[in-house]
Amino acid sequence: MAVPKKRTSRTKTKQRKAQWLRKADLMSKKAWSLGCSIAKGNSNSFVLDNSDKSN
């Protein structure tokens, strides 16, 4: 089984975690923004088909 040769420094670990959290925060903000624009009906990047198919 492969094991790391040396311990990863605490700084490097925190940098990686911060980068991951920043990326997740950005994606959640984009999702929230898209949801708000869909709710208001101002979305240009999301197409919602409102046609009634139960005829």
PDB file of N, CA and C in Angstrom:
ATOM      1  N   MET A   1       0.836  -1.176   0.000  1.00  0.00           N
ATOM      2  CA  MET A   1       0.000   0.000   0.000  1.00  0.00           C
ATOM      3  C   MET A   1       0.883   1.241   0.000  1.00  0.00           C
ATOM      4  N   ALA A   2       0.525   2.216  -0.782  1.00  0.00           N
ATOM      5  CA  ALA A   2       1.324   3.435  -0.890  1.00  0.00           C
ATOM      6  C   ALA A   2       1.072   4.352   0.296  1.00  0.00           C
ATOM      7  N   VAL A   3       2.158   4.856   0.855  1.00  0.00           N
ATOM      8  CA  VAL A   3       2.064   5.800   1.967  1.00  0.00           C
ATOM      9  C   VAL A   3       2.942   7.009   1.662  1.00  0.00           C
ATOM     10  N   PRO A   4       2.563   8.195   2.152  1.00  0.00           N
ATOM     11  CA  PRO A   4       3.400   9.364   1.905  1.00  0.00           C
ATOM     12  C   PRO A   4       4.733   9.247   2.646  1.00  0.00           C
ATOM     13  N   LYS A   5       5.787   9.773   2.047  1.00  0.00           N
ATOM     14  CA  LYS A   5       7.109   9.675   2.662  1.00  0.00           C
ATOM     15  C   LYS A   5       7.271  10.640   3.819  1.00  0.00           C
ATOM     16  N   LYS A   6       6.654  11.820   3.697  1.00  0.00           N
ATOM     17  CA  LYS A   6       6.775  12.809   4.760  1.00  0.00           C
ATOM     18  C   LYS A   6       5.398  13.363   5.088  1.00  0.00           C
ATOM     19  N   ARG A   7       5.284  13.878   6.279  1.00  0.00           N
ATOM     20  CA  ARG A   7       4.024  14.446   6.727  1.00  0.00           C
ATOM     21  C   ARG A   7       3.754  15.757   5.986  1.00  0.00           C
ATOM     22  N   THR A   8       2.500  15.968   5.587  1.00  0.00           N
ATOM     23  CA  THR A   8       2.110  17.212   4.947  1.00  0.00           C
ATOM     24  C   THR A   8       2.012  18.310   6.004  1.00  0.00           C
ATOM     25  N   SER A   9       2.578  19.451   5.702  1.00  0.00           N
ATOM     26  CA  SER A   9       2.589  20.533   6.689  1.00  0.00           C
ATOM     27  C   SER A   9       1.175  21.049   6.945  1.00  0.00           C
ATOM     28  N   ARG A  10       0.994  21.589   8.113  1.00  0.00           N
ATOM     29  CA  ARG A  10      -0.314  22.119   8.499  1.00  0.00           C
ATOM     30  C   ARG A  10      -0.726  23.268   7.572  1.00  0.00           C
ATOM     31  N   THR A  11       0.243  24.077   7.162  1.00  0.00           N
ATOM     32  CA  THR A  11      -0.044  25.197   6.261  1.00  0.00           C
ATOM     33  C   THR A  11      -0.589  24.700   4.925  1.00  0.00           C
ATOM     34  N   LYS A  12       0.073  23.696   4.368  1.00  0.00           N
ATOM     35  CA  LYS A  12      -0.356  23.142   3.082  1.00  0.00           C
ATOM     36  C   LYS A  12      -1.759  22.543   3.197  1.00  0.00           C
ATOM     37  N   THR A  13      -2.022  21.846   4.305  1.00  0.00           N
ATOM     38  CA  THR A  13      -3.335  21.245   4.522  1.00  0.00           C
ATOM     39  C   THR A  13      -4.415  22.322   4.617  1.00  0.00           C
ATOM     40  N   LYS A  14      -4.125  23.383   5.378  1.00  0.00           N
ATOM     41  CA  LYS A  14      -5.099  24.467   5.527  1.00  0.00           C
ATOM     42  C   LYS A  14      -5.322  25.209   4.214  1.00  0.00           C
ATOM     43  N   GLN A  15      -4.263  25.368   3.406  1.00  0.00           N
ATOM     44  CA  GLN A  15      -4.415  26.015   2.099  1.00  0.00           C
ATOM     45  C   GLN A  15      -5.346  25.213   1.201  1.00  0.00           C
ATOM     46  N   ARG A  16      -5.155  23.906   1.181  1.00  0.00           N
ATOM     47  CA  ARG A  16      -5.998  23.052   0.339  1.00  0.00           C
ATOM     48  C   ARG A  16      -7.450  23.082   0.803  1.00  0.00           C
ATOM     49  N   LYS A  17      -7.646  23.044   2.108  1.00  0.00           N
ATOM     50  CA  LYS A  17      -9.001  23.074   2.647  1.00  0.00           C
ATOM     51  C   LYS A  17      -9.669  24.412   2.346  1.00  0.00           C
ATOM     52  N   ALA A  18      -8.917  25.511   2.489  1.00  0.00           N
ATOM     53  CA  ALA A  18      -9.460  26.844   2.208  1.00  0.00           C
ATOM     54  C   ALA A  18      -9.832  26.978   0.741  1.00  0.00           C
ATOM     55  N   GLN A  19      -9.004  26.429  -0.126  1.00  0.00           N
ATOM     56  CA  GLN A  19      -9.293  26.479  -1.562  1.00  0.00           C
ATOM     57  C   GLN A  19     -10.575  25.709  -1.874  1.00  0.00           C
ATOM     58  N   TRP A  20     -10.734  24.536  -1.259  1.00  0.00           N
ATOM     59  CA  TRP A  20     -11.923  23.724  -1.469  1.00  0.00           C
ATOM     60  C   TRP A  20     -13.169  24.452  -0.960  1.00  0.00           C
ATOM     61  N   LEU A  21     -13.048  25.086   0.221  1.00  0.00           N
ATOM     62  CA  LEU A  21     -14.181  25.817   0.781  1.00  0.00           C
ATOM     63  C   LEU A  21     -14.545  27.034  -0.061  1.00  0.00           C
ATOM     64  N   ARG A  22     -13.531  27.731  -0.589  1.00  0.00           N
ATOM     65  CA  ARG A  22     -13.787  28.881  -1.467  1.00  0.00           C
ATOM     66  C   ARG A  22     -14.537  28.448  -2.709  1.00  0.00           C
ATOM     67  N   LYS A  23     -14.116  27.326  -3.296  1.00  0.00           N
ATOM     68  CA  LYS A  23     -14.768  26.813  -4.497  1.00  0.00           C
ATOM     69  C   LYS A  23     -16.219  26.429  -4.204  1.00  0.00           C
ATOM     70  N   ALA A  24     -16.441  25.762  -3.068  1.00  0.00           N
ATOM     71  CA  ALA A  24     -17.800  25.360  -2.688  1.00  0.00           C
ATOM     72  C   ALA A  24     -18.668  26.585  -2.417  1.00  0.00           C
ATOM     73  N   ASP A  25     -18.101  27.609  -1.788  1.00  0.00           N
ATOM     74  CA  ASP A  25     -18.849  28.830  -1.502  1.00  0.00           C
ATOM     75  C   ASP A  25     -19.249  29.543  -2.791  1.00  0.00           C
ATOM     76  N   LEU A  26     -18.334  29.594  -3.752  1.00  0.00           N
ATOM     77  CA  LEU A  26     -18.634  30.232  -5.034  1.00  0.00           C
ATOM     78  C   LEU A  26     -19.754  29.494  -5.761  1.00  0.00           C
ATOM     79  N   MET A  27     -19.699  28.158  -5.764  1.00  0.00           N
ATOM     80  CA  MET A  27     -20.733  27.382  -6.445  1.00  0.00           C
ATOM     81  C   MET A  27     -22.087  27.537  -5.757  1.00  0.00           C
ATOM     82  N   SER A  28     -22.089  27.627  -4.428  1.00  0.00           N
ATOM     83  CA  SER A  28     -23.367  27.805  -3.723  1.00  0.00           C
ATOM     84  C   SER A  28     -23.952  29.184  -4.008  1.00  0.00           C
ATOM     85  N   LYS A  29     -23.094  30.211  -4.116  1.00  0.00           N
ATOM     86  CA  LYS A  29     -23.581  31.549  -4.451  1.00  0.00           C
ATOM     87  C   LYS A  29     -24.169  31.591  -5.862  1.00  0.00           C
ATOM     88  N   LYS A  30     -23.516  30.899  -6.801  1.00  0.00           N
ATOM     89  CA  LYS A  30     -24.038  30.841  -8.168  1.00  0.00           C
ATOM     90  C   LYS A  30     -25.387  30.124  -8.212  1.00  0.00           C
ATOM     91  N   ALA A  31     -25.496  29.026  -7.470  1.00  0.00           N
ATOM     92  CA  ALA A  31     -26.750  28.275  -7.436  1.00  0.00           C
ATOM     93  C   ALA A  31     -27.863  29.118  -6.815  1.00  0.00           C
ATOM     94  N   TRP A  32     -27.549  29.823  -5.734  1.00  0.00           N
ATOM     95  CA  TRP A  32     -28.539  30.684  -5.077  1.00  0.00           C
ATOM     96  C   TRP A  32     -28.978  31.797  -6.021  1.00  0.00           C
ATOM     97  N   SER A  33     -28.022  32.396  -6.728  1.00  0.00           N
ATOM     98  CA  SER A  33     -28.330  33.476  -7.657  1.00  0.00           C
ATOM     99  C   SER A  33     -29.230  32.983  -8.794  1.00  0.00           C
ATOM    100  N   LEU A  34     -28.918  31.793  -9.319  1.00  0.00           N
ATOM    101  CA  LEU A  34     -29.742  31.227 -10.384  1.00  0.00           C
ATOM    102  C   LEU A  34     -31.146  30.934  -9.872  1.00  0.00           C
ATOM    103  N   GLY A  35     -31.245  30.389  -8.660  1.00  0.00           N
ATOM    104  CA  GLY A  35     -32.557  30.110  -8.077  1.00  0.00           C
ATOM    105  C   GLY A  35     -33.383  31.364  -7.891  1.00  0.00           C
ATOM    106  N   CYS A  36     -32.740  32.450  -7.433  1.00  0.00           N
ATOM    107  CA  CYS A  36     -33.454  33.720  -7.252  1.00  0.00           C
ATOM    108  C   CYS A  36     -33.938  34.272  -8.587  1.00  0.00           C
ATOM    109  N   SER A  37     -33.070  34.203  -9.612  1.00  0.00           N
ATOM    110  CA  SER A  37     -33.470  34.740 -10.906  1.00  0.00           C
ATOM    111  C   SER A  37     -34.575  33.903 -11.547  1.00  0.00           C
ATOM    112  N   ILE A  38     -34.564  32.588 -11.320  1.00  0.00           N
ATOM    113  CA  ILE A  38     -35.643  31.735 -11.839  1.00  0.00           C
ATOM    114  C   ILE A  38     -36.953  32.068 -11.124  1.00  0.00           C
ATOM    115  N   ALA A  39     -36.874  32.273  -9.821  1.00  0.00           N
ATOM    116  CA  ALA A  39     -38.078  32.591  -9.048  1.00  0.00           C
ATOM    117  C   ALA A  39     -38.683  33.921  -9.480  1.00  0.00           C
ATOM    118  N   LYS A  40     -37.832  34.878  -9.834  1.00  0.00           N
ATOM    119  CA  LYS A  40     -38.316  36.190 -10.264  1.00  0.00           C
ATOM    120  C   LYS A  40     -38.682  36.220 -11.742  1.00  0.00           C
ATOM    121  N   GLY A  41     -38.236  35.209 -12.484  1.00  0.00           N
ATOM    122  CA  GLY A  41     -38.524  35.152 -13.913  1.00  0.00           C
ATOM    123  C   GLY A  41     -37.559  35.957 -14.746  1.00  0.00           C
ATOM    124  N   ASN A  42     -36.378  36.258 -14.212  1.00  0.00           N
ATOM    125  CA  ASN A  42     -35.389  37.066 -14.924  1.00  0.00           C
ATOM    126  C   ASN A  42     -34.230  36.257 -15.469  1.00  0.00           C
ATOM    127  N   SER A  43     -34.334  34.945 -15.459  1.00  0.00           N
ATOM    128  CA  SER A  43     -33.209  34.108 -15.850  1.00  0.00           C
ATOM    129  C   SER A  43     -33.014  34.095 -17.352  1.00  0.00           C
ATOM    130  N   ASN A  44     -31.751  34.272 -17.778  1.00  0.00           N
ATOM    131  CA  ASN A  44     -31.403  34.175 -19.197  1.00  0.00           C
ATOM    132  C   ASN A  44     -30.672  32.878 -19.499  1.00  0.00           C
ATOM    133  N   SER A  45     -30.114  32.235 -18.467  1.00  0.00           N
ATOM    134  CA  SER A  45     -29.283  31.055 -18.673  1.00  0.00           C
ATOM    135  C   SER A  45     -30.011  29.754 -18.351  1.00  0.00           C
ATOM    136  N   PHE A  46     -31.266  29.826 -17.964  1.00  0.00           N
ATOM    137  CA  PHE A  46     -32.021  28.634 -17.582  1.00  0.00           C
ATOM    138  C   PHE A  46     -33.350  28.663 -18.307  1.00  0.00           C
ATOM    139  N   VAL A  47     -33.647  27.590 -19.032  1.00  0.00           N
ATOM    140  CA  VAL A  47     -34.886  27.526 -19.807  1.00  0.00           C
ATOM    141  C   VAL A  47     -35.836  26.564 -19.110  1.00  0.00           C
ATOM    142  N   LEU A  48     -37.016  27.055 -18.779  1.00  0.00           N
ATOM    143  CA  LEU A  48     -38.026  26.243 -18.105  1.00  0.00           C
ATOM    144  C   LEU A  48     -39.241  26.137 -19.013  1.00  0.00           C
ATOM    145  N   ASP A  49     -39.625  24.907 -19.331  1.00  0.00           N
ATOM    146  CA  ASP A  49     -40.760  24.673 -20.215  1.00  0.00           C
ATOM    147  C   ASP A  49     -42.032  24.669 -19.378  1.00  0.00           C
ATOM    148  N   ASN A  50     -42.887  25.663 -19.567  1.00  0.00           N
ATOM    149  CA  ASN A  50     -44.127  25.786 -18.787  1.00  0.00           C
ATOM    150  C   ASN A  50     -45.344  25.280 -19.565  1.00  0.00           C
ATOM    151  N   SER A  51     -45.151  24.651 -20.699  1.00  0.00           N
ATOM    152  CA  SER A  51     -46.297  24.188 -21.474  1.00  0.00           C
ATOM    153  C   SER A  51     -47.015  23.051 -20.759  1.00  0.00           C
ATOM    154  N   ASP A  52     -48.322  23.049 -20.837  1.00  0.00           N
ATOM    155  CA  ASP A  52     -49.146  22.041 -20.181  1.00  0.00           C
ATOM    156  C   ASP A  52     -49.235  20.820 -21.091  1.00  0.00           C
ATOM    157  N   LYS A  53     -48.770  19.665 -20.635  1.00  0.00           N
ATOM    158  CA  LYS A  53     -48.747  18.458 -21.464  1.00  0.00           C
ATOM    159  C   LYS A  53     -49.849  17.486 -21.085  1.00  0.00           C
ATOM    160  N   SER A  54     -50.820  17.893 -20.283  1.00  0.00           N
ATOM    161  CA  SER A  54     -51.883  16.987 -19.855  1.00  0.00           C
ATOM    162  C   SER A  54     -53.160  17.150 -20.688  1.00  0.00           C
ATOM    163  N   ASN A  55     -53.052  17.527 -21.944  1.00  0.00           N
ATOM    164  CA  ASN A  55     -54.220  17.713 -22.805  1.00  0.00           C
ATOM    165  C   ASN A  55     -54.737  16.414 -23.270  1.00  0.00           C
TER     166      ASN A  55
END
